Amino acid sequence: MAKNPTRTTGAQQRAAVALATEDSTTATLAAIRVGETPFDESGQRLKIRERLAYGVGDIGGNLIFAPVSAFLLFYLTDIAGIGAAIAGTLLLLGRVLDGTLDLIVGTLIDRTSTRWGKARPWILFSAPVLVVSFVLLFNVPANLDQTGKEIYAFVFYFLCLGIGFVGSNLAYHTLLSVITSNSKMRVSLTVLRTFFAIFTTLVVSVITIPIITSLGGGQDAWTTVALTYGAIAFITFIVLFLGTKERVKSTLPPEEGAKLPLGRKIGLLVRNRYFFLAFAFFLFTYLLTGSQSVGIYFASDVLGDPNLYSFLGLVGILPLLIGIWFMAPIIGRVGKRKAMLVGITISIVGAVVTLIDPTNVPLLLTGLVIKGLGTIPSSAAMFALVADVVDYGEWKTGVRLDGMTYAAATAGQNFGAGLGAALVGWVLAAGAYDGAATVQVESALAAEVFLMLWLPLLISVALGVIVFFLNIDKDLSQIQRDLAARRHEAAQASKA
């Protein structure tokens, strides 16, 4: 890139370094050729070991989240002996409290400034709380009366997902936006973490019930599984903390950002129109995740074989596990929004196929495979999309609110998963489901079919509407160029 004699040296420098968020290698060469060393390491490509360290964080997260989402309601109703409606309501109340903590924790993360950064300390210190409360959640004491069991389940559910998981997972989300400013690298990291998340969820869904059965199916079996999952999760959190580094800094000096009152930050946040759409996207996505706890009921009662639950999970996740690796170049070419809209359309087709005959296993499996294919683009793009929303907010307001913006994601995750789990309990109760019955009545079977097959179709349609309006891609290149130039100017000013 030859120098343009009509431009100032400062303009040439800004033009060169602004390319960093698009392609760090090109930006580095451009910066050198205008006579400066690259000032902003945030756009650099990350080493493989750091990418892997980031990705394994979702192994730990999903060794906690997947068992809670898929099996906690079943454990509470069939092992602990808590009624379905009460159990579902307890899960919803816990998640509502979780969701209200998201904004608070997000604010605290944005105010955190340590030698480790602002997100990584939260990952480290929330890990023990998350793991211990998870193990205790699946160990409801048998000697408690009914009210005591309900209180116990609520307290440890809140400690697990409301305190431990909110702190850990919100910090993990935030880390994506501060580990690199390179949009393509963010998508690559999202693909990697999503692969680990899917793989972990697949393993949990396939092996948990067989292991529980082989260990006798009682409380001791659930205790052994919870201890094993918790120990592995703790190790992955330590790897995540030690193996990553925060690089992206706000253009606003840390001391000034910390002085902004909460009301001012909330005002800036709500001016970001994509904030609400991101919240809604995560709400509906995780509502579907939370409602998947009906799968074990559906396999047992509608299909007549509880062991089919693992197989249903396998065929639904396997396409995602394979296809996720092809999404980074596709998204790089067509953008996140277009890829996600195509995927949602495919999911709708798959949901329709499953409804043709809910008891026809081959047809059901075909529809689940199609749905699995449709979830690939959203799974690859969703967390990188929130990082784009963070950038958009900084571009519009000058203030970078990583933690509070990602709070939209985790609040949606918590509210959605809680509502989904509660919906399962409520609909089953409305259908007269009886956990002690050998054969369920027709109304209970109809409730299970609605939750398993109709609800995903309705949610897919809602997600399509949300993504249609979530068109941040149109401004993304300009946003990242402008932010790179601002960071350069801020760095130069700090040296003066």
Protein backbone atom coordinates (compact mmCIF):
# COMPACT_ATOMS: atom_id res chain seq x y z
CA MET A 1 0.00 0.00 0.00
CA ALA A 2 1.84 3.09 -1.22
CA LYS A 3 1.73 6.31 0.73
CA ASN A 4 -0.71 8.94 -0.48
CA PRO A 5 1.10 12.33 -0.35
CA THR A 6 -2.18 14.15 0.08
CA ARG A 7 -2.90 12.46 3.38
CA THR A 8 -1.37 13.23 6.74
CA THR A 9 0.83 10.72 8.49
CA GLY A 10 -1.81 10.37 11.22
CA ALA A 11 -4.51 9.64 8.63
CA GLN A 12 -2.31 7.04 7.00
CA GLN A 13 -1.67 5.39 10.32
CA ARG A 14 -5.36 5.27 11.23
CA ALA A 15 -6.29 3.88 7.83
CA ALA A 16 -3.70 1.12 8.20
CA VAL A 17 -4.47 0.04 11.72
CA ALA A 18 -8.23 0.21 11.17
CA LEU A 19 -7.90 -2.90 9.05
CA ALA A 20 -6.85 -4.88 12.12
CA THR A 21 -10.32 -6.07 12.96
CA GLU A 22 -10.84 -7.42 9.46
CA ASP A 23 -7.55 -9.23 8.98
CA SER A 24 -4.79 -8.93 11.57
CA THR A 25 -2.02 -10.03 9.23
CA THR A 26 -2.91 -7.47 6.56
CA ALA A 27 -3.25 -4.79 9.23
CA THR A 28 0.19 -5.55 10.60
CA LEU A 29 1.82 -5.23 7.18
CA ALA A 30 -0.07 -2.03 6.47
CA ALA A 31 0.97 -0.50 9.77
CA ILE A 32 4.61 -1.29 9.14
CA ARG A 33 4.49 0.27 5.69
CA VAL A 34 3.32 3.62 7.05
CA GLY A 35 6.14 3.64 9.56
CA GLU A 36 4.45 2.48 12.76
CA THR A 37 4.39 -0.69 14.84
CA PRO A 38 0.94 -2.23 15.34
CA PHE A 39 -0.54 -0.57 18.41
CA ASP A 40 -3.52 -2.78 19.04
CA GLU A 41 -2.90 -6.44 19.78
CA SER A 42 -6.64 -7.04 20.16
CA GLY A 43 -7.01 -7.95 16.48
CA GLN A 44 -4.25 -10.54 16.42
CA ARG A 45 -4.89 -14.16 15.57
CA LEU A 46 -4.82 -16.32 18.68
CA LYS A 47 -2.53 -19.29 19.12
CA ILE A 48 -4.07 -22.73 18.94
CA ARG A 49 -3.48 -23.44 22.63
CA GLU A 50 -5.36 -20.29 23.65
CA ARG A 51 -8.25 -21.11 21.34
CA LEU A 52 -8.45 -24.59 22.86
CA ALA A 53 -8.24 -23.20 26.39
CA TYR A 54 -11.15 -20.89 25.55
CA GLY A 55 -13.16 -23.66 23.92
CA VAL A 56 -12.92 -26.16 26.79
CA GLY A 57 -14.71 -23.66 29.01
CA ASP A 58 -17.94 -24.84 27.41
CA ILE A 59 -17.14 -28.42 28.38
CA GLY A 60 -17.31 -27.39 32.01
CA GLY A 61 -20.33 -25.17 31.52
CA ASN A 62 -22.31 -27.90 29.79
CA LEU A 63 -21.30 -30.62 32.23
CA ILE A 64 -23.36 -28.50 34.62
CA PHE A 65 -26.02 -26.97 32.38
CA ALA A 66 -26.88 -30.04 30.26
CA PRO A 67 -27.67 -32.39 33.19
CA VAL A 68 -29.68 -29.68 34.94
CA SER A 69 -31.65 -28.88 31.77
CA ALA A 70 -32.24 -32.48 30.70
CA PHE A 71 -32.54 -34.45 33.93
CA LEU A 72 -33.20 -32.25 36.97
CA LEU A 73 -36.98 -32.20 36.54
CA PHE A 74 -36.99 -35.98 36.08
CA TYR A 75 -34.74 -36.38 39.14
CA LEU A 76 -36.98 -34.16 41.28
CA THR A 77 -40.21 -35.90 40.25
CA ASP A 78 -39.11 -39.53 40.06
CA ILE A 79 -36.24 -39.75 42.57
CA ALA A 80 -36.79 -36.95 45.10
CA GLY A 81 -40.58 -37.35 44.93
CA ILE A 82 -41.55 -33.73 44.28
CA GLY A 83 -44.71 -33.16 42.19
CA ALA A 84 -44.28 -32.13 38.55
CA ALA A 85 -46.13 -28.81 38.84
CA ILE A 86 -44.31 -27.84 42.04
CA ALA A 87 -40.93 -28.88 40.62
CA GLY A 88 -41.51 -26.92 37.43
CA THR A 89 -42.55 -23.82 39.37
CA LEU A 90 -39.49 -24.07 41.61
CA LEU A 91 -37.27 -24.18 38.54
CA LEU A 92 -38.97 -21.14 37.04
CA LEU A 93 -38.71 -19.12 40.25
CA GLY A 94 -35.05 -19.99 40.51
CA ARG A 95 -34.42 -18.89 36.94
CA VAL A 96 -36.34 -15.64 37.41
CA LEU A 97 -34.04 -14.80 40.30
CA ASP A 98 -31.08 -15.88 38.18
CA GLY A 99 -32.15 -13.54 35.41
CA THR A 100 -32.48 -10.57 37.74
CA LEU A 101 -28.89 -11.15 38.88
CA ASP A 102 -27.55 -11.02 35.33
CA LEU A 103 -27.65 -7.24 35.03
CA ILE A 104 -26.10 -6.86 38.49
CA VAL A 105 -23.29 -9.30 37.73
CA GLY A 106 -22.79 -7.73 34.31
CA THR A 107 -22.38 -4.33 35.95
CA LEU A 108 -19.88 -5.75 38.44
CA ILE A 109 -17.89 -7.37 35.63
CA ASP A 110 -17.71 -4.04 33.79
CA ARG A 111 -16.44 -2.42 37.01
CA THR A 112 -13.84 -5.14 37.61
CA SER A 113 -10.27 -4.20 36.81
CA THR A 114 -7.47 -6.57 37.86
CA ARG A 115 -4.18 -7.80 36.48
CA TRP A 116 -6.17 -10.76 35.14
CA GLY A 117 -8.68 -8.53 33.37
CA LYS A 118 -12.35 -8.13 34.19
CA ALA A 119 -13.90 -11.45 33.08
CA ARG A 120 -11.33 -14.11 34.01
CA PRO A 121 -11.42 -13.47 37.80
CA TRP A 122 -15.14 -14.21 37.80
CA ILE A 123 -14.54 -17.51 36.03
CA LEU A 124 -11.98 -18.50 38.66
CA PHE A 125 -13.90 -17.56 41.81
CA SER A 126 -17.35 -18.73 40.71
CA ALA A 127 -16.12 -22.24 39.84
CA PRO A 128 -16.18 -23.70 43.40
CA VAL A 129 -19.66 -22.31 44.10
CA LEU A 130 -21.00 -23.69 40.82
CA VAL A 131 -19.55 -27.17 41.18
CA VAL A 132 -20.38 -27.74 44.86
CA SER A 133 -23.97 -26.50 44.52
CA PHE A 134 -24.43 -28.65 41.39
CA VAL A 135 -23.44 -31.81 43.28
CA LEU A 136 -25.69 -30.97 46.20
CA LEU A 137 -28.60 -30.17 43.88
CA PHE A 138 -28.70 -33.80 42.78
CA ASN A 139 -28.54 -34.99 46.39
CA VAL A 140 -31.89 -34.08 47.92
CA PRO A 141 -31.90 -35.69 51.40
CA ALA A 142 -34.47 -38.48 51.60
CA ASN A 143 -35.20 -37.79 55.28
CA LEU A 144 -36.66 -34.34 54.61
CA ASP A 145 -40.43 -33.87 54.50
CA GLN A 146 -42.09 -32.65 51.31
CA THR A 147 -41.75 -28.97 52.15
CA GLY A 148 -38.15 -29.46 53.21
CA LYS A 149 -37.31 -31.14 49.91
CA GLU A 150 -38.88 -28.31 47.95
CA ILE A 151 -36.97 -25.66 49.90
CA TYR A 152 -33.72 -27.61 49.56
CA ALA A 153 -34.17 -28.02 45.81
CA PHE A 154 -34.96 -24.32 45.35
CA VAL A 155 -31.99 -23.10 47.43
CA PHE A 156 -29.38 -25.23 45.68
CA TYR A 157 -30.92 -24.67 42.26
CA PHE A 158 -30.57 -20.94 42.86
CA LEU A 159 -27.01 -21.28 44.18
CA CYS A 160 -26.04 -23.46 41.23
CA LEU A 161 -27.55 -21.54 38.33
CA GLY A 162 -28.30 -18.19 39.95
CA ILE A 163 -24.98 -17.56 41.66
CA GLY A 164 -22.39 -19.97 40.28
CA PHE A 165 -23.55 -20.34 36.70
CA VAL A 166 -24.50 -16.70 36.19
CA GLY A 167 -21.10 -15.52 37.42
CA SER A 168 -19.16 -18.12 35.46
CA ASN A 169 -21.15 -18.15 32.25
CA LEU A 170 -21.62 -14.39 31.97
CA ALA A 171 -17.88 -13.93 32.44
CA TYR A 172 -17.24 -16.62 29.82
CA HIS A 173 -19.49 -14.85 27.34
CA THR A 174 -17.84 -11.52 28.13
CA LEU A 175 -14.41 -13.03 27.56
CA LEU A 176 -15.26 -13.56 23.88
CA SER A 177 -15.56 -9.81 23.30
CA VAL A 178 -12.35 -8.92 25.16
CA ILE A 179 -10.08 -11.78 24.10
CA THR A 180 -9.99 -10.43 20.50
CA SER A 181 -11.54 -7.67 18.40
CA ASN A 182 -11.15 -9.70 15.20
CA SER A 183 -14.65 -10.57 13.96
CA LYS A 184 -13.49 -13.65 12.05
CA MET A 185 -11.54 -14.90 15.07
CA ARG A 186 -14.63 -14.43 17.23
CA VAL A 187 -16.63 -16.63 14.87
CA SER A 188 -13.85 -19.24 14.94
CA LEU A 189 -13.84 -19.19 18.74
CA THR A 190 -17.62 -19.49 18.78
CA VAL A 191 -17.42 -22.49 16.45
CA LEU A 192 -14.84 -24.13 18.70
CA ARG A 193 -16.73 -23.50 21.94
CA THR A 194 -19.98 -24.59 20.31
CA PHE A 195 -18.36 -27.84 19.16
CA PHE A 196 -17.22 -28.55 22.71
CA ALA A 197 -20.65 -27.59 24.04
CA ILE A 198 -22.45 -29.83 21.57
CA PHE A 199 -20.06 -32.71 22.12
CA THR A 200 -20.44 -32.42 25.89
CA THR A 201 -24.23 -32.17 25.64
CA LEU A 202 -24.25 -35.20 23.34
CA VAL A 203 -22.13 -37.26 25.71
CA VAL A 204 -24.24 -36.23 28.70
CA SER A 205 -27.52 -37.02 26.92
CA VAL A 206 -26.29 -40.39 25.64
CA ILE A 207 -24.45 -41.81 28.65
CA THR A 208 -26.21 -40.38 31.71
CA ILE A 209 -29.30 -42.58 31.85
CA PRO A 210 -27.41 -45.80 30.95
CA ILE A 211 -24.85 -45.03 33.67
CA ILE A 212 -27.59 -44.25 36.17
CA THR A 213 -29.33 -47.51 35.25
CA SER A 214 -26.14 -49.57 35.51
CA LEU A 215 -25.48 -48.12 38.97
CA GLY A 216 -28.92 -49.14 40.21
CA GLY A 217 -30.98 -46.07 39.33
CA GLY A 218 -31.21 -44.73 42.88
CA GLN A 219 -29.80 -41.76 44.74
CA ASP A 220 -26.29 -43.23 44.98
CA ALA A 221 -26.16 -43.45 41.19
CA TRP A 222 -27.12 -39.79 40.77
CA THR A 223 -24.57 -38.78 43.41
CA THR A 224 -21.76 -40.61 41.57
CA VAL A 225 -22.65 -39.03 38.24
CA ALA A 226 -22.94 -35.53 39.72
CA LEU A 227 -19.56 -35.83 41.46
CA THR A 228 -17.90 -37.02 38.25
CA TYR A 229 -19.37 -34.27 36.08
CA GLY A 230 -18.58 -31.63 38.70
CA ALA A 231 -14.92 -32.66 39.07
CA ILE A 232 -14.31 -32.58 35.32
CA ALA A 233 -16.07 -29.23 35.03
CA PHE A 234 -13.88 -27.67 37.72
CA ILE A 235 -10.71 -28.74 35.89
CA THR A 236 -11.91 -27.15 32.63
CA PHE A 237 -12.66 -23.85 34.39
CA ILE A 238 -9.10 -23.72 35.70
CA VAL A 239 -7.75 -24.44 32.20
CA LEU A 240 -9.94 -21.64 30.81
CA PHE A 241 -8.69 -19.16 33.40
CA LEU A 242 -5.00 -20.00 33.02
CA GLY A 243 -4.94 -20.39 29.24
CA THR A 244 -6.55 -17.14 28.05
CA LYS A 245 -5.75 -13.42 28.01
CA GLU A 246 -7.90 -10.29 27.75
CA ARG A 247 -6.79 -7.80 25.07
CA VAL A 248 -9.66 -5.51 24.04
CA LYS A 249 -9.74 -2.27 26.01
CA SER A 250 -12.47 0.34 26.03
CA THR A 251 -11.72 3.66 24.36
CA LEU A 252 -13.01 5.21 27.58
CA PRO A 253 -10.36 5.25 30.35
CA PRO A 254 -11.12 2.58 33.03
CA GLU A 255 -11.39 5.14 35.82
CA GLU A 256 -13.98 7.12 33.86
CA GLY A 257 -15.97 4.00 32.99
CA ALA A 258 -16.03 2.94 36.63
CA LYS A 259 -17.40 6.35 37.64
CA LEU A 260 -20.44 6.09 35.37
CA PRO A 261 -23.53 5.56 37.57
CA LEU A 262 -25.64 2.45 37.01
CA GLY A 263 -28.58 4.48 35.76
CA ARG A 264 -26.39 6.10 33.12
CA LYS A 265 -25.09 2.71 31.98
CA ILE A 266 -28.61 1.30 31.75
CA GLY A 267 -29.63 4.34 29.72
CA LEU A 268 -26.76 3.73 27.31
CA LEU A 269 -27.61 0.05 27.13
CA VAL A 270 -31.25 0.54 26.19
CA ARG A 271 -30.20 2.93 23.42
CA ASN A 272 -28.63 -0.10 21.74
CA ARG A 273 -31.57 -1.41 19.73
CA TYR A 274 -29.88 -4.74 19.16
CA PHE A 275 -29.68 -5.35 22.91
CA PHE A 276 -33.37 -6.25 23.13
CA LEU A 277 -33.27 -8.43 20.04
CA ALA A 278 -30.28 -10.34 21.44
CA PHE A 279 -32.16 -10.87 24.70
CA ALA A 280 -35.22 -12.16 22.84
CA PHE A 281 -33.10 -14.48 20.69
CA PHE A 282 -31.48 -16.09 23.72
CA LEU A 283 -34.80 -16.23 25.57
CA PHE A 284 -36.51 -18.31 22.87
CA THR A 285 -33.42 -20.39 22.09
CA TYR A 286 -33.02 -21.48 25.70
CA LEU A 287 -36.74 -21.84 26.26
CA LEU A 288 -36.44 -24.61 23.72
CA THR A 289 -33.39 -25.99 25.53
CA GLY A 290 -35.22 -25.96 28.86
CA SER A 291 -38.24 -27.71 27.42
CA GLN A 292 -36.09 -30.59 26.14
CA SER A 293 -36.39 -32.15 29.57
CA VAL A 294 -39.65 -33.58 28.20
CA GLY A 295 -37.56 -35.90 26.02
CA ILE A 296 -37.20 -38.62 28.65
CA TYR A 297 -40.98 -38.57 29.25
CA PHE A 298 -41.72 -38.65 25.52
CA ALA A 299 -39.39 -41.60 24.91
CA SER A 300 -40.81 -43.54 27.86
CA ASP A 301 -44.51 -42.90 27.34
CA VAL A 302 -45.13 -42.06 23.67
CA LEU A 303 -42.44 -44.29 22.10
CA GLY A 304 -42.53 -46.88 24.87
CA ASP A 305 -38.76 -47.13 25.42
CA PRO A 306 -36.85 -44.74 27.72
CA ASN A 307 -33.55 -45.87 26.17
CA LEU A 308 -34.63 -44.17 22.91
CA TYR A 309 -34.08 -40.84 24.64
CA SER A 310 -30.33 -41.14 24.20
CA PHE A 311 -30.75 -42.04 20.53
CA LEU A 312 -33.10 -39.12 19.90
CA GLY A 313 -30.52 -36.81 21.42
CA LEU A 314 -27.79 -38.33 19.29
CA VAL A 315 -29.51 -37.88 15.93
CA GLY A 316 -30.52 -34.34 16.81
CA ILE A 317 -27.04 -33.25 17.87
CA LEU A 318 -24.79 -35.26 15.54
CA PRO A 319 -25.46 -33.10 12.42
CA LEU A 320 -24.61 -30.02 14.49
CA LEU A 321 -21.46 -31.64 15.83
CA ILE A 322 -20.19 -32.28 12.30
CA GLY A 323 -21.60 -29.29 10.46
CA ILE A 324 -20.38 -26.65 12.89
CA TRP A 325 -16.84 -26.90 11.45
CA PHE A 326 -18.01 -25.68 8.03
CA MET A 327 -19.77 -22.58 9.29
CA ALA A 328 -16.88 -20.13 9.83
CA PRO A 329 -16.10 -19.69 6.10
CA ILE A 330 -19.80 -19.69 5.20
CA ILE A 331 -20.61 -17.00 7.75
CA GLY A 332 -17.54 -15.08 6.65
CA ARG A 333 -18.93 -15.04 3.12
CA VAL A 334 -22.68 -14.45 3.61
CA GLY A 335 -22.81 -12.96 7.12
CA LYS A 336 -24.37 -14.17 10.35
CA ARG A 337 -27.94 -13.02 9.71
CA LYS A 338 -28.42 -14.65 6.29
CA ALA A 339 -26.89 -17.92 7.45
CA MET A 340 -29.10 -17.97 10.55
CA LEU A 341 -32.28 -17.26 8.57
CA VAL A 342 -31.56 -20.15 6.20
CA GLY A 343 -30.90 -22.44 9.16
CA ILE A 344 -34.13 -21.45 10.93
CA THR A 345 -36.09 -22.19 7.74
CA ILE A 346 -34.55 -25.66 7.63
CA SER A 347 -35.46 -26.19 11.31
CA ILE A 348 -39.08 -25.32 10.57
CA VAL A 349 -39.16 -27.93 7.80
CA GLY A 350 -37.71 -30.53 10.17
CA ALA A 351 -40.28 -29.71 12.86
CA VAL A 352 -43.11 -30.19 10.35
CA VAL A 353 -41.72 -33.61 9.39
CA THR A 354 -41.72 -34.78 13.02
CA LEU A 355 -45.42 -33.90 13.30
CA ILE A 356 -46.51 -36.17 10.44
CA ASP A 357 -46.60 -39.19 12.79
CA PRO A 358 -45.13 -38.70 16.29
CA THR A 359 -45.03 -42.46 16.94
CA ASN A 360 -43.21 -43.32 13.70
CA VAL A 361 -39.61 -43.58 14.90
CA PRO A 362 -37.88 -43.49 11.46
CA LEU A 363 -39.93 -40.44 10.42
CA LEU A 364 -39.29 -38.82 13.77
CA LEU A 365 -35.55 -39.38 13.43
CA THR A 366 -35.59 -37.92 9.91
CA GLY A 367 -37.26 -34.75 11.15
CA LEU A 368 -34.83 -34.45 14.06
CA VAL A 369 -31.86 -34.75 11.70
CA ILE A 370 -33.26 -31.96 9.52
CA LYS A 371 -33.86 -29.81 12.60
CA GLY A 372 -30.31 -30.51 13.74
CA LEU A 373 -28.97 -29.28 10.41
CA GLY A 374 -31.02 -26.12 10.78
CA THR A 375 -29.57 -25.27 14.16
CA ILE A 376 -25.97 -25.18 12.87
CA PRO A 377 -25.78 -21.52 11.71
CA SER A 378 -27.33 -20.07 14.86
CA SER A 379 -25.14 -22.22 17.09
CA ALA A 380 -22.03 -21.04 15.24
CA ALA A 381 -22.97 -17.36 15.26
CA MET A 382 -25.01 -16.57 18.38
CA PHE A 383 -22.24 -15.69 20.85
CA ALA A 384 -20.15 -13.88 18.24
CA LEU A 385 -23.31 -11.95 17.42
CA VAL A 386 -23.50 -10.62 20.98
CA ALA A 387 -19.88 -9.46 20.71
CA ASP A 388 -20.98 -7.50 17.63
CA VAL A 389 -23.79 -5.98 19.72
CA VAL A 390 -21.18 -4.90 22.29
CA ASP A 391 -19.16 -3.24 19.51
CA TYR A 392 -22.27 -1.54 18.16
CA GLY A 393 -23.06 -0.10 21.59
CA GLU A 394 -19.54 1.28 21.96
CA TRP A 395 -19.68 2.68 18.41
CA LYS A 396 -22.92 4.53 19.12
CA THR A 397 -22.25 5.73 22.68
CA GLY A 398 -18.47 5.68 23.19
CA VAL A 399 -18.87 3.42 26.26
CA ARG A 400 -18.03 -0.31 26.10
CA LEU A 401 -20.44 -2.39 28.21
CA ASP A 402 -19.24 -5.96 27.70
CA GLY A 403 -20.64 -7.42 30.90
CA MET A 404 -23.98 -5.64 30.82
CA THR A 405 -24.57 -6.44 27.15
CA TYR A 406 -23.73 -10.09 27.65
CA ALA A 407 -26.12 -9.98 30.59
CA ALA A 408 -28.83 -9.86 27.92
CA ALA A 409 -27.62 -13.23 26.69
CA THR A 410 -27.42 -14.88 30.09
CA ALA A 411 -30.67 -13.28 31.28
CA GLY A 412 -32.37 -14.65 28.20
CA GLN A 413 -30.63 -17.97 28.81
CA ASN A 414 -31.83 -18.10 32.41
CA PHE A 415 -35.37 -16.85 31.84
CA GLY A 416 -35.76 -19.05 28.77
CA ALA A 417 -34.41 -22.25 30.30
CA GLY A 418 -36.39 -21.68 33.47
CA LEU A 419 -39.59 -20.97 31.58
CA GLY A 420 -38.99 -24.00 29.37
CA ALA A 421 -38.48 -26.32 32.35
CA ALA A 422 -41.48 -24.84 34.14
CA LEU A 423 -43.59 -25.17 31.01
CA VAL A 424 -42.83 -28.87 30.91
CA GLY A 425 -43.96 -29.27 34.52
CA TRP A 426 -47.09 -27.18 34.04
CA VAL A 427 -48.18 -28.81 30.79
CA LEU A 428 -47.54 -32.31 32.15
CA ALA A 429 -49.53 -31.49 35.26
CA ALA A 430 -52.35 -30.05 33.12
CA GLY A 431 -52.31 -33.29 31.14
CA ALA A 432 -52.69 -35.31 34.37
CA TYR A 433 -49.21 -36.85 34.22
CA ASP A 434 -48.60 -39.30 37.08
CA GLY A 435 -44.97 -40.18 37.81
CA ALA A 436 -46.06 -43.33 39.69
CA ALA A 437 -48.28 -44.64 36.89
CA THR A 438 -47.10 -47.44 34.63
CA VAL A 439 -49.18 -46.17 31.70
CA GLN A 440 -50.07 -42.52 31.18
CA VAL A 441 -53.53 -41.26 30.22
CA GLU A 442 -54.15 -39.85 26.73
CA SER A 443 -54.10 -36.25 27.93
CA ALA A 444 -50.62 -36.74 29.38
CA LEU A 445 -49.41 -38.27 26.10
CA ALA A 446 -50.88 -35.33 24.15
CA ALA A 447 -49.07 -32.93 26.49
CA GLU A 448 -45.77 -34.69 25.84
CA VAL A 449 -46.30 -34.57 22.07
CA PHE A 450 -47.03 -30.84 22.22
CA LEU A 451 -43.91 -30.12 24.26
CA MET A 452 -41.64 -32.36 22.21
CA LEU A 453 -42.83 -31.53 18.68
CA TRP A 454 -45.21 -28.55 18.45
CA LEU A 455 -43.32 -26.22 20.76
CA PRO A 456 -40.05 -26.37 18.73
CA LEU A 457 -42.00 -25.41 15.59
CA LEU A 458 -43.55 -22.37 17.26
CA ILE A 459 -40.22 -21.28 18.72
CA SER A 460 -38.45 -21.62 15.37
CA VAL A 461 -40.97 -19.26 13.79
CA ALA A 462 -40.43 -16.73 16.59
CA LEU A 463 -36.65 -16.95 16.17
CA GLY A 464 -36.98 -16.30 12.46
CA VAL A 465 -38.83 -13.04 13.13
CA ILE A 466 -36.22 -11.93 15.66
CA VAL A 467 -33.24 -12.65 13.40
CA PHE A 468 -34.93 -10.89 10.47
CA PHE A 469 -34.75 -7.62 12.42
CA LEU A 470 -31.32 -8.34 13.98
CA ASN A 471 -29.46 -6.94 10.98
CA ILE A 472 -26.21 -5.75 12.54
CA ASP A 473 -24.16 -7.21 9.68
CA LYS A 474 -24.91 -4.23 7.44
CA ASP A 475 -22.82 -1.88 9.63
CA LEU A 476 -20.27 -4.32 11.04
CA SER A 477 -17.28 -3.49 8.84
CA GLN A 478 -17.69 0.25 9.42
CA ILE A 479 -18.17 -0.29 13.15
CA GLN A 480 -14.95 -2.25 13.53
CA ARG A 481 -12.90 0.13 11.39
CA ASP A 482 -14.11 3.12 13.41
CA LEU A 483 -13.46 1.41 16.74
CA ALA A 484 -9.95 0.40 15.67
CA ALA A 485 -9.20 4.03 14.78
CA ARG A 486 -10.61 5.24 18.11
CA ARG A 487 -8.47 2.76 20.05
CA HIS A 488 -5.42 4.00 18.18
CA GLU A 489 -6.24 7.62 19.01
CA ALA A 490 -6.86 6.69 22.66
CA ALA A 491 -3.55 4.84 22.83
CA GLN A 492 -1.72 7.79 21.29
CA ALA A 493 -3.39 10.19 23.70
CA SER A 494 -2.42 8.06 26.72
CA LYS A 495 1.24 8.20 25.61
CA ALA A 496 1.21 12.00 25.23
